[in-house]
């Protein structure tokens, strides 16, 4: 029985799910509690700061963690030297970027619409969190799902506990509770992560390997930034076009809508190493079997979340956030489509065609920003929800087309990937018709 579960990936899925649950899920559980400590304006400020961290993290990392996990899963023999060379190079690069930010902090903070202290705190987080993320990526690629779950669970319990403590104790700037908590939690685990990474290293620097890494990772920068734009720019635009309070309400709904991604990214953490192995060995029947099986799981989970989150928010959340209820179902549906996106983008990752991934993400981001720009002043916050849904569908279609173009081998049919989502589309439509 246990061997059968391992073969189907359920054991690794469960471990990665537990880890992702505490990375994302516990934050969703604490959202109603935060509404009693943070008013919508403070919550809006927190979401803007989170957006800044997301954008700066791409610049500080150059997507090194994606390059490292991809290289490991391809089974390259010189991984130890590859890891060491990239760690040394990215450290020097981070020091250069940090120096530039410190020298031009007034201009950069004005561009992002934040204070200089917010900019510096966000930059410091981005420097240290990279090494934590590289270690987690290694655990994912090596299918060490149990250790992944232990590290992420312990880290997130510490972070959430400290965040709620600061949110209660701080008399002003309560949004900074998240920043302080994240830094403390990372610093607790950073020595262990660095030690574990160094044990994997072969202490031989080879710039050719760094160049190989950059050829893969730099073209992905537009992809990661575009993903950040799709997920975060709407909050910035709502904050500027409407108010920080509206941005806070939307951000609260969006974060709840992200709850389904706990299941999806746990699945992808389990699935990506298996997919690389199946695809390399041309085991296309297993690929289709796994995707259809987990499509049913994700669809059912999304249905369950739509039915349960609405009454829970209505009962537990502060009354100031009640307007977020009408936004949640479509945001949940939009984020559940991330599953289909991952199904097809993994084909492109296998071929290391990172430029194609970036082009697709850039097109989806342009669609997202255009809808927000023209409709938010007219329709309000609901426009941001519609733009998220439309850009998610566009992203799936683009990567389906790309994967078909790249692969000479069979790619799972679009209808087969989506058919178990039909009840989800129907339920979401009924919500907006009758409620």
Protein backbone atom coordinates (compact mmCIF):
# COMPACT_ATOMS: atom_id res chain seq x y z
CA UNK A 1 0.00 0.00 0.00
CA UNK A 2 2.75 2.45 1.01
CA UNK A 3 4.81 1.54 -2.08
CA UNK A 4 1.77 2.20 -4.29
CA UNK A 5 1.29 5.62 -2.70
CA UNK A 6 4.98 6.40 -3.26
CA UNK A 7 4.73 5.36 -6.91
CA UNK A 8 1.76 7.67 -7.42
CA UNK A 9 3.65 10.49 -5.75
CA UNK A 10 1.19 10.82 -2.86
CA UNK A 11 3.85 10.51 -0.16
CA UNK A 12 6.00 13.27 -1.65
CA UNK A 13 2.85 15.27 -2.45
CA UNK A 14 1.78 15.02 1.19
CA UNK A 15 5.18 16.16 2.48
CA UNK A 16 5.38 19.06 0.01
CA UNK A 17 1.76 19.92 0.80
CA UNK A 18 2.55 20.13 4.51
CA UNK A 19 5.55 22.35 3.73
CA UNK A 20 3.57 24.60 1.37
CA UNK A 21 0.69 24.64 3.84
CA UNK A 22 2.97 26.32 6.36
CA UNK A 23 4.58 28.57 3.73
CA UNK A 24 1.24 29.85 2.43
CA UNK A 25 -1.58 28.09 4.22
CA UNK A 26 -0.89 29.23 7.76
CA UNK A 27 -0.78 32.82 6.53
CA UNK A 28 -4.31 32.36 5.12
CA UNK A 29 -5.47 31.07 8.48
CA UNK A 30 -3.99 34.10 10.25
CA UNK A 31 -5.47 36.62 7.76
CA UNK A 32 -8.71 37.03 9.74
CA UNK A 33 -6.63 37.62 12.90
CA UNK A 34 -4.53 40.25 11.13
CA UNK A 35 -7.69 42.15 10.17
CA UNK A 36 -8.19 42.90 13.88
CA UNK A 37 -4.66 44.33 14.23
CA UNK A 38 -4.30 46.04 10.83
CA UNK A 39 -6.87 48.37 9.34
CA UNK A 40 -7.36 48.22 5.51
CA UNK A 41 -4.87 51.07 5.03
CA UNK A 42 -2.15 49.24 7.02
CA UNK A 43 -2.95 46.05 5.14
CA UNK A 44 -2.63 47.97 1.87
CA UNK A 45 0.77 49.28 3.00
CA UNK A 46 1.83 45.72 3.84
CA UNK A 47 0.77 44.48 0.38
CA UNK A 48 2.73 47.29 -1.33
CA UNK A 49 5.83 46.36 0.69
CA UNK A 50 5.35 42.69 -0.20
CA UNK A 51 5.16 43.68 -3.86
CA UNK A 52 8.45 45.54 -3.53
CA UNK A 53 10.12 42.47 -1.97
CA UNK A 54 8.81 40.29 -4.81
CA UNK A 55 10.25 42.61 -7.48
CA UNK A 56 13.60 43.20 -5.76
CA UNK A 57 14.03 39.48 -5.07
CA UNK A 58 14.23 38.87 -8.82
CA UNK A 59 16.96 41.49 -9.19
CA UNK A 60 18.99 40.27 -6.20
CA UNK A 61 18.78 36.59 -7.21
CA UNK A 62 18.98 36.68 -11.02
CA UNK A 63 16.81 33.54 -10.75
CA UNK A 64 19.82 31.56 -9.52
CA UNK A 65 17.63 29.14 -7.56
CA UNK A 66 15.69 28.18 -10.72
CA UNK A 67 18.92 27.57 -12.62
CA UNK A 68 20.36 25.43 -9.81
CA UNK A 69 17.30 23.17 -9.42
CA UNK A 70 17.00 22.73 -13.19
CA UNK A 71 20.68 21.75 -13.46
CA UNK A 72 20.33 19.27 -10.59
CA UNK A 73 17.22 17.61 -12.04
CA UNK A 74 18.95 17.20 -15.40
CA UNK A 75 21.47 14.96 -13.57
CA UNK A 76 24.62 16.89 -14.53
CA UNK A 77 27.80 15.39 -13.00
CA UNK A 78 29.51 18.71 -12.19
CA UNK A 79 26.66 19.98 -10.00
CA UNK A 80 28.96 20.58 -6.99
CA UNK A 81 31.17 22.98 -8.94
CA UNK A 82 28.10 24.54 -10.58
CA UNK A 83 26.57 25.26 -7.17
CA UNK A 84 29.78 26.70 -5.69
CA UNK A 85 30.49 28.91 -8.71
CA UNK A 86 26.97 30.34 -8.65
CA UNK A 87 26.96 30.96 -4.88
CA UNK A 88 30.23 32.92 -5.07
CA UNK A 89 29.13 34.93 -8.11
CA UNK A 90 25.68 35.83 -6.77
CA UNK A 91 27.15 37.00 -3.45
CA UNK A 92 29.39 39.53 -5.22
CA UNK A 93 26.49 40.59 -7.45
CA UNK A 94 24.22 41.15 -4.42
CA UNK A 95 26.84 43.39 -2.77
CA UNK A 96 27.01 45.52 -5.93
CA UNK A 97 23.20 45.87 -6.16
CA UNK A 98 22.93 46.67 -2.44
CA UNK A 99 25.59 49.39 -2.79
CA UNK A 100 23.71 50.95 -5.73
CA UNK A 101 20.43 50.93 -3.78
CA UNK A 102 22.06 52.59 -0.74
CA UNK A 103 23.66 55.30 -2.93
CA UNK A 104 20.46 56.07 -4.84
CA UNK A 105 17.88 55.17 -2.19
CA UNK A 106 15.92 58.44 -2.46
CA UNK A 107 15.40 58.16 -6.22
CA UNK A 108 14.60 54.43 -6.10
CA UNK A 109 12.17 54.75 -3.19
CA UNK A 110 10.41 57.63 -4.96
CA UNK A 111 10.05 55.50 -8.11
CA UNK A 112 8.36 52.68 -6.16
CA UNK A 113 6.33 55.06 -4.01
CA UNK A 114 7.72 53.79 -0.69
CA UNK A 115 9.88 55.26 2.08
CA UNK A 116 13.66 54.84 2.03
CA UNK A 117 13.49 52.70 5.18
CA UNK A 118 10.95 50.38 3.50
CA UNK A 119 13.28 50.09 0.51
CA UNK A 120 16.29 49.19 2.67
CA UNK A 121 14.38 46.65 4.75
CA UNK A 122 13.03 45.01 1.56
CA UNK A 123 16.54 44.88 0.05
CA UNK A 124 17.99 43.26 3.15
CA UNK A 125 15.27 40.57 3.11
CA UNK A 126 16.01 39.83 -0.56
CA UNK A 127 19.73 39.33 0.14
CA UNK A 128 19.31 36.71 2.86
CA UNK A 129 16.20 34.90 1.65
CA UNK A 130 17.91 33.79 -1.57
CA UNK A 131 20.12 31.24 0.21
CA UNK A 132 17.15 29.85 2.12
CA UNK A 133 15.26 29.48 -1.19
CA UNK A 134 18.22 27.80 -2.91
CA UNK A 135 18.32 25.17 -0.17
CA UNK A 136 14.55 24.59 -0.44
CA UNK A 137 14.93 24.25 -4.23
CA UNK A 138 17.59 21.59 -3.71
CA UNK A 139 15.30 19.66 -1.34
CA UNK A 140 12.54 19.82 -3.95
CA UNK A 141 14.76 18.70 -6.84
CA UNK A 142 16.27 15.84 -4.83
CA UNK A 143 12.76 14.75 -3.73
CA UNK A 144 13.67 15.10 -0.05
CA UNK A 145 10.10 16.03 0.67
CA UNK A 146 10.11 15.08 4.37
CA UNK A 147 13.05 17.39 5.17
CA UNK A 148 11.42 20.10 3.03
CA UNK A 149 8.27 19.82 5.15
CA UNK A 150 10.19 19.95 8.44
CA UNK A 151 12.27 23.02 7.51
CA UNK A 152 9.41 25.03 5.98
CA UNK A 153 6.95 24.12 8.74
CA UNK A 154 9.30 25.12 11.56
CA UNK A 155 10.32 28.32 9.77
CA UNK A 156 6.76 29.42 9.10
CA UNK A 157 5.49 28.63 12.62
CA UNK A 158 8.25 30.86 14.02
CA UNK A 159 7.54 33.62 11.50
CA UNK A 160 3.77 33.66 12.05
CA UNK A 161 4.16 33.62 15.85
CA UNK A 162 6.58 36.57 15.78
CA UNK A 163 4.44 38.46 13.25
CA UNK A 164 1.29 38.24 15.36
CA UNK A 165 3.26 39.26 18.45
CA UNK A 166 4.66 42.37 16.74
CA UNK A 167 1.26 43.20 15.20
CA UNK A 168 -0.21 43.21 18.71
CA UNK A 169 2.65 45.07 20.43
CA UNK A 170 3.53 47.77 17.87
CA UNK A 171 1.68 51.02 18.40
CA UNK A 172 2.46 52.32 14.88
CA UNK A 173 3.74 50.95 11.55
CA UNK A 174 2.08 47.62 12.34
CA UNK A 175 2.66 46.53 8.73
CA UNK A 176 6.36 46.17 9.63
CA UNK A 177 5.51 43.17 11.83
CA UNK A 178 5.74 40.96 8.73
CA UNK A 179 9.21 42.32 7.84
CA UNK A 180 10.66 41.85 11.34
CA UNK A 181 9.18 38.34 11.64
CA UNK A 182 10.45 37.19 8.26
CA UNK A 183 13.99 38.36 8.92
CA UNK A 184 14.19 36.77 12.38
CA UNK A 185 12.79 33.46 11.12
CA UNK A 186 15.23 33.34 8.18
CA UNK A 187 18.25 34.17 10.34
CA UNK A 188 17.40 31.27 12.66
CA UNK A 189 17.64 28.78 9.77
CA UNK A 190 20.25 30.50 7.61
CA UNK A 191 23.35 28.90 9.22
CA UNK A 192 21.92 25.40 8.73
CA UNK A 193 20.94 26.13 5.11
CA UNK A 194 24.37 27.56 4.25
CA UNK A 195 26.14 24.63 5.94
CA UNK A 196 24.01 22.13 4.00
CA UNK A 197 24.65 23.90 0.69
CA UNK A 198 28.40 24.07 1.27
CA UNK A 199 28.44 20.31 1.93
CA UNK A 200 27.10 19.85 -1.61
CA UNK A 201 29.75 22.10 -3.16
CA UNK A 202 32.88 21.14 -4.99
CA UNK A 203 35.15 24.08 -4.16
CA UNK A 204 36.21 24.76 -7.71
CA UNK A 205 35.19 28.02 -9.35
CA UNK A 206 34.38 27.78 -13.05
CA UNK A 207 33.09 30.89 -14.81
CA UNK A 208 31.91 28.76 -17.74
CA UNK A 209 29.38 27.17 -15.40
CA UNK A 210 28.25 30.62 -14.19
CA UNK A 211 27.82 31.65 -17.82
CA UNK A 212 25.75 28.52 -18.46
CA UNK A 213 23.61 29.41 -15.45
CA UNK A 214 23.09 33.00 -16.60
CA UNK A 215 22.11 31.87 -20.12
CA UNK A 216 19.26 29.94 -18.49
CA UNK A 217 18.32 32.31 -15.66
CA UNK A 218 18.58 35.82 -17.15
CA UNK A 219 15.99 35.22 -19.91
CA UNK A 220 13.66 34.11 -17.08
CA UNK A 221 13.84 37.54 -15.40
CA UNK A 222 11.04 38.99 -17.58
CA UNK A 223 9.02 35.85 -16.75
CA UNK A 224 9.41 36.26 -12.99
CA UNK A 225 8.86 40.02 -13.13
CA UNK A 226 5.81 39.51 -15.35
CA UNK A 227 4.46 36.97 -12.86
CA UNK A 228 5.03 39.55 -10.12
CA UNK A 229 3.22 42.17 -12.23
CA UNK A 230 0.24 39.84 -12.73
CA UNK A 231 0.12 39.01 -9.02
CA UNK A 232 1.11 42.36 -7.52
CA UNK A 233 0.70 45.35 -9.88
CA UNK A 234 -3.07 45.42 -9.43
CA UNK A 235 -2.54 46.31 -5.75
CA UNK A 236 -0.22 49.18 -6.66
CA UNK A 237 -2.68 50.46 -9.30
CA UNK A 238 -5.67 50.17 -6.95
CA UNK A 239 -3.67 52.02 -4.28
CA UNK A 240 -2.92 54.88 -6.70
CA UNK A 241 -6.21 54.99 -8.67
CA UNK A 242 -8.59 54.28 -5.76
CA UNK A 243 -7.16 54.14 -2.21
CA UNK A 244 -4.87 52.17 0.09
CA UNK A 245 -8.00 50.93 1.85
CA UNK A 246 -9.31 49.45 -1.41
CA UNK A 247 -5.87 47.95 -2.04
CA UNK A 248 -6.01 46.36 1.42
CA UNK A 249 -9.45 44.84 0.80
CA UNK A 250 -8.37 43.50 -2.60
CA UNK A 251 -5.11 42.17 -1.18
CA UNK A 252 -7.02 40.35 1.58
CA UNK A 253 -9.29 38.70 -1.01
CA UNK A 254 -6.38 37.91 -3.31
CA UNK A 255 -4.41 36.22 -0.53
CA UNK A 256 -7.41 34.05 0.28
CA UNK A 257 -7.76 33.28 -3.43
CA UNK A 258 -4.17 32.06 -3.36
CA UNK A 259 -5.11 29.34 -0.88
CA UNK A 260 -5.59 26.80 -3.69
CA UNK A 261 -1.96 27.28 -4.74
CA UNK A 262 -0.94 25.47 -1.54
CA UNK A 263 -2.18 22.28 -3.24
CA UNK A 264 -0.92 23.25 -6.70
CA UNK A 265 2.67 24.11 -5.79
CA UNK A 266 2.88 21.06 -3.54
CA UNK A 267 1.85 19.01 -6.56
CA UNK A 268 4.43 20.72 -8.78
CA UNK A 269 7.20 20.19 -6.21
CA UNK A 270 6.42 16.48 -6.33
CA UNK A 271 5.68 16.41 -10.06
CA UNK A 272 8.56 18.30 -11.67
CA UNK A 273 11.35 15.77 -10.88
CA UNK A 274 9.02 12.92 -11.91
CA UNK A 275 8.04 14.71 -15.12
CA UNK A 276 11.70 15.22 -16.10
CA UNK A 277 12.33 11.50 -15.53
CA UNK A 278 9.16 10.34 -17.35
CA UNK A 279 9.74 12.67 -20.28
CA UNK A 280 13.40 11.74 -20.63
CA UNK A 281 12.40 8.06 -20.76
CA UNK A 282 9.42 8.80 -23.09
CA UNK A 283 6.93 7.46 -20.56
CA UNK A 284 4.04 9.57 -21.90
CA UNK A 285 1.27 7.32 -20.57
CA UNK A 286 2.43 7.96 -16.98
CA UNK A 287 2.59 11.70 -17.65
CA UNK A 288 -1.02 11.78 -18.82
CA UNK A 289 -2.18 9.52 -15.96
CA UNK A 290 -0.58 11.72 -13.30
CA UNK A 291 -1.88 14.99 -14.78
CA UNK A 292 -5.48 13.77 -15.09
CA UNK A 293 -5.42 12.23 -11.60
CA UNK A 294 -4.18 15.43 -9.95
CA UNK A 295 -6.44 17.60 -12.10
CA UNK A 296 -9.35 15.89 -10.34
CA UNK A 297 -7.75 16.51 -6.93
CA UNK A 298 -7.12 20.22 -7.60
CA UNK A 299 -10.58 20.78 -9.09
CA UNK A 300 -12.31 19.14 -6.12
CA UNK A 301 -10.13 21.11 -3.67
CA UNK A 302 -11.03 24.38 -5.45
CA UNK A 303 -14.75 23.57 -5.26
CA UNK A 304 -14.41 22.83 -1.57
CA UNK A 305 -12.56 26.10 -0.91
CA UNK A 306 -15.15 28.21 -2.75
CA UNK A 307 -17.94 26.64 -0.70
CA UNK A 308 -16.15 26.98 2.67
CA UNK A 309 -14.14 30.22 2.49
CA UNK A 310 -17.15 32.50 1.89
CA UNK A 311 -18.96 31.67 5.17
CA UNK A 312 -15.70 31.51 7.14
CA UNK A 313 -14.64 35.01 6.08
CA UNK A 314 -18.13 36.34 6.72
CA UNK A 315 -18.05 34.94 10.25
CA UNK A 316 -14.43 35.52 11.35
CA UNK A 317 -13.09 38.57 9.48
CA UNK A 318 -13.38 42.15 10.65
CA UNK A 319 -16.48 43.87 9.23
CA UNK A 320 -14.21 46.38 7.40
CA UNK A 321 -13.18 43.56 5.04
CA UNK A 322 -16.69 42.32 4.19
CA UNK A 323 -16.51 43.81 0.65
CA UNK A 324 -13.81 41.26 -0.19
CA UNK A 325 -16.37 38.42 -0.23
CA UNK A 326 -17.57 39.17 -3.77
CA UNK A 327 -14.01 38.96 -5.10
CA UNK A 328 -12.92 35.62 -3.65
CA UNK A 329 -14.62 32.97 -5.91
CA UNK A 330 -13.24 34.32 -9.21
CA UNK A 331 -9.81 34.83 -7.63
CA UNK A 332 -9.88 31.20 -6.46
CA UNK A 333 -10.80 30.05 -9.97
CA UNK A 334 -8.06 32.24 -11.49
CA UNK A 335 -5.41 30.81 -9.17
CA UNK A 336 -6.59 27.23 -9.69
CA UNK A 337 -5.73 27.66 -13.39
CA UNK A 338 -2.08 27.86 -12.29
CA UNK A 339 -2.28 24.05 -12.39
CA UNK A 340 -2.76 24.02 -16.19
CA UNK A 341 -0.03 26.64 -16.59
CA UNK A 342 2.43 24.39 -14.70
CA UNK A 343 1.38 21.36 -16.75
CA UNK A 344 2.59 23.01 -19.95
CA UNK A 345 5.41 25.24 -18.73
CA UNK A 346 7.25 22.16 -17.39
CA UNK A 347 7.70 20.96 -20.99
CA UNK A 348 9.43 24.25 -21.79
CA UNK A 349 11.58 24.11 -18.63
CA UNK A 350 12.73 20.66 -19.68
CA UNK A 351 14.08 22.05 -22.94
CA UNK A 352 15.60 25.04 -21.04
CA UNK A 353 13.85 27.46 -23.43
CA UNK A 354 13.57 30.15 -20.78
CA UNK A 355 13.18 32.96 -23.33
CA UNK A 356 9.89 31.45 -24.57
CA UNK A 357 8.63 31.29 -20.99
CA UNK A 358 9.46 34.97 -20.50
CA UNK A 359 7.73 36.04 -23.73
CA UNK A 360 4.55 34.23 -22.70
CA UNK A 361 4.58 35.74 -19.22
CA UNK A 362 5.28 39.21 -20.64
CA UNK A 363 2.27 39.01 -22.97
CA UNK A 364 0.03 37.91 -20.09
CA UNK A 365 1.39 40.75 -17.91
CA UNK A 366 0.67 43.34 -20.63
CA UNK A 367 -2.91 42.02 -20.89
CA UNK A 368 -3.22 42.23 -17.09
CA UNK A 369 -1.89 45.80 -16.81
CA UNK A 370 -3.93 47.05 -19.80
CA UNK A 371 -7.21 45.74 -18.34
CA UNK A 372 -6.36 47.21 -14.93
CA UNK A 373 -5.36 50.58 -16.39
CA UNK A 374 -8.54 51.06 -18.41
CA UNK A 375 -11.12 49.35 -16.18
CA UNK A 376 -10.12 50.06 -12.55
CA UNK A 377 -11.18 53.76 -12.77
CA UNK A 378 -14.50 52.68 -14.34
CA UNK A 379 -15.38 49.39 -12.64
CA UNK A 380 -13.33 49.56 -9.44
CA UNK A 381 -11.67 46.65 -7.64
CA UNK A 382 -13.61 44.02 -9.62
CA UNK A 383 -11.58 45.00 -12.72
CA UNK A 384 -8.43 43.65 -11.05
CA UNK A 385 -10.18 40.32 -10.45
CA UNK A 386 -11.24 40.10 -14.11
CA UNK A 387 -7.72 40.97 -15.30
CA UNK A 388 -6.26 38.21 -13.11
CA UNK A 389 -8.64 35.63 -14.58
CA UNK A 390 -8.15 36.69 -18.21
CA UNK A 391 -4.36 36.87 -17.96
CA UNK A 392 -4.28 33.39 -16.31
CA UNK A 393 -6.18 31.89 -19.25
CA UNK A 394 -3.94 33.72 -21.75
CA UNK A 395 -0.85 32.33 -20.00
CA UNK A 396 -2.10 28.73 -20.24
CA UNK A 397 -2.95 29.07 -23.95
CA UNK A 398 0.45 30.57 -24.79
CA UNK A 399 2.40 27.83 -23.01
CA UNK A 400 0.19 25.11 -24.49
CA UNK A 401 1.09 26.47 -27.93
CA UNK A 402 4.79 26.73 -27.01
CA UNK A 403 4.97 23.19 -25.64
CA UNK A 404 3.32 21.82 -28.79
CA UNK A 405 5.81 23.72 -30.97
CA UNK A 406 8.86 22.59 -28.97
CA UNK A 407 8.07 18.92 -28.50
CA UNK A 408 8.15 16.29 -31.21
CA UNK A 409 6.59 13.93 -28.67
CA UNK A 410 2.94 13.94 -27.50
CA UNK A 411 1.80 16.81 -25.25
CA UNK A 412 -1.31 16.29 -23.14
CA UNK A 413 -4.44 17.60 -24.85
CA UNK A 414 -5.80 20.94 -23.63
CA UNK A 415 -9.30 19.53 -23.09
CA UNK A 416 -7.93 16.62 -21.03
CA UNK A 417 -6.09 19.12 -18.79
CA UNK A 418 -9.20 21.30 -18.35
CA UNK A 419 -12.22 18.98 -18.48
CA UNK A 420 -12.30 18.30 -14.73
CA UNK A 421 -12.51 22.07 -14.19
CA UNK A 422 -15.94 22.37 -15.86
CA UNK A 423 -17.85 22.01 -12.53
CA UNK A 424 -15.58 24.71 -11.06
CA UNK A 425 -16.42 27.13 -13.87
CA UNK A 426 -20.13 26.40 -13.43
CA UNK A 427 -20.09 26.93 -9.63
CA UNK A 428 -18.19 30.23 -9.94
CA UNK A 429 -20.65 31.48 -12.59
CA UNK A 430 -23.63 30.54 -10.40
CA UNK A 431 -22.11 32.46 -7.48
CA UNK A 432 -22.09 35.74 -9.42
CA UNK A 433 -25.57 35.12 -10.89
CA UNK A 434 -27.38 34.31 -7.65
CA UNK A 435 -25.36 35.86 -4.80
